[in-house]
Amino acid sequence: TLKQCSRCKLTLYCSAKCQKSNWPMHKKACAQKKADALPISNIKIASVSDTPAEQDARSK
């Protein structure tokens, strides 16, 4: 079975040894992948019927 990066959950490794040896190279990409995967609670949804002024008022 493949080992999954427990931080970003996107990179797979053939073993824990491979994962550990690749960590210095994977570290920056891993942090970026994790930042890109924002929780859905951070997403603001506007109704298509809202005017820009109504959207601005609600976001404050």
C-alpha atoms as a PDB file:
ATOM      1  CA  THR A   1       0.000   0.000   0.000  1.00  0.00           C
ATOM      2  CA  LEU A   2       1.086   3.544  -0.694  1.00  0.00           C
ATOM      3  CA  LYS A   3       1.807   5.975   2.122  1.00  0.00           C
ATOM      4  CA  GLN A   4       0.033   9.328   1.994  1.00  0.00           C
ATOM      5  CA  CYS A   5       1.486  12.605   3.194  1.00  0.00           C
ATOM      6  CA  SER A   6      -0.442  13.175   6.417  1.00  0.00           C
ATOM      7  CA  ARG A   7      -0.148  16.948   6.055  1.00  0.00           C
ATOM      8  CA  CYS A   8      -1.385  17.715   2.523  1.00  0.00           C
ATOM      9  CA  LYS A   9      -3.023  14.330   1.810  1.00  0.00           C
ATOM     10  CA  LEU A  10      -2.092  14.705  -1.881  1.00  0.00           C
ATOM     11  CA  THR A  11       1.344  13.113  -2.269  1.00  0.00           C
ATOM     12  CA  LEU A  12       1.829   9.357  -2.176  1.00  0.00           C
ATOM     13  CA  TYR A  13       4.963   7.401  -1.293  1.00  0.00           C
ATOM     14  CA  CYS A  14       5.954   3.763  -1.647  1.00  0.00           C
ATOM     15  CA  SER A  15       7.252   3.637   1.932  1.00  0.00           C
ATOM     16  CA  ALA A  16       7.835   5.691   5.064  1.00  0.00           C
ATOM     17  CA  LYS A  17      11.549   5.706   4.186  1.00  0.00           C
ATOM     18  CA  CYS A  18      10.837   7.328   0.795  1.00  0.00           C
ATOM     19  CA  GLN A  19       8.492   9.825   2.431  1.00  0.00           C
ATOM     20  CA  LYS A  20      11.097  10.804   5.007  1.00  0.00           C
ATOM     21  CA  SER A  21      13.879  11.158   2.439  1.00  0.00           C
ATOM     22  CA  ASN A  22      11.648  13.315   0.201  1.00  0.00           C
ATOM     23  CA  TRP A  23      10.399  15.602   2.991  1.00  0.00           C
ATOM     24  CA  PRO A  24      13.030  18.375   2.489  1.00  0.00           C
ATOM     25  CA  MET A  25      11.943  18.696  -1.160  1.00  0.00           C
ATOM     26  CA  HIS A  26       8.225  18.192  -0.510  1.00  0.00           C
ATOM     27  CA  LYS A  27       7.992  20.584   2.463  1.00  0.00           C
ATOM     28  CA  LYS A  28       7.351  23.844   0.535  1.00  0.00           C
ATOM     29  CA  ALA A  29       4.962  22.284  -1.971  1.00  0.00           C
ATOM     30  CA  CYS A  30       3.140  20.570   0.879  1.00  0.00           C
ATOM     31  CA  ALA A  31       2.586  23.847   2.737  1.00  0.00           C
ATOM     32  CA  GLN A  32       1.264  25.496  -0.438  1.00  0.00           C
ATOM     33  CA  LYS A  33      -1.089  22.588  -1.185  1.00  0.00           C
ATOM     34  CA  LYS A  34      -2.453  22.802   2.340  1.00  0.00           C
ATOM     35  CA  ALA A  35      -2.972  26.574   2.024  1.00  0.00           C
ATOM     36  CA  ASP A  36      -4.773  26.079  -1.283  1.00  0.00           C
ATOM     37  CA  ALA A  37      -7.223  23.694   0.356  1.00  0.00           C
ATOM     38  CA  LEU A  38      -9.102  26.279   2.434  1.00  0.00           C
ATOM     39  CA  PRO A  39     -12.065  25.130   4.497  1.00  0.00           C
ATOM     40  CA  ILE A  40     -15.429  25.746   2.884  1.00  0.00           C
ATOM     41  CA  SER A  41     -16.369  28.004   5.822  1.00  0.00           C
ATOM     42  CA  ASN A  42     -13.995  30.643   4.394  1.00  0.00           C
ATOM     43  CA  ILE A  43     -15.946  30.893   1.137  1.00  0.00           C
ATOM     44  CA  LYS A  44     -18.484  33.701   0.774  1.00  0.00           C
ATOM     45  CA  ILE A  45     -21.441  33.047  -1.497  1.00  0.00           C
ATOM     46  CA  ALA A  46     -23.429  35.878  -3.034  1.00  0.00           C
ATOM     47  CA  SER A  47     -26.835  35.537  -4.567  1.00  0.00           C
ATOM     48  CA  VAL A  48     -26.945  36.267  -8.285  1.00  0.00           C
ATOM     49  CA  SER A  49     -29.881  38.599  -7.620  1.00  0.00           C
ATOM     50  CA  ASP A  50     -27.848  40.765  -5.203  1.00  0.00           C
ATOM     51  CA  THR A  51     -26.557  44.094  -6.399  1.00  0.00           C
ATOM     52  CA  PRO A  52     -22.880  44.904  -5.742  1.00  0.00           C
ATOM     53  CA  ALA A  53     -23.963  47.336  -2.995  1.00  0.00           C
ATOM     54  CA  GLU A  54     -25.967  44.594  -1.241  1.00  0.00           C
ATOM     55  CA  GLN A  55     -23.012  42.221  -1.463  1.00  0.00           C
ATOM     56  CA  ASP A  56     -20.667  44.863   0.014  1.00  0.00           C
ATOM     57  CA  ALA A  57     -23.082  45.627   2.865  1.00  0.00           C
ATOM     58  CA  ARG A  58     -23.385  41.943   3.784  1.00  0.00           C
ATOM     59  CA  SER A  59     -19.616  41.326   3.752  1.00  0.00           C
ATOM     60  CA  LYS A  60     -18.965  44.041   6.403  1.00  0.00           C
END
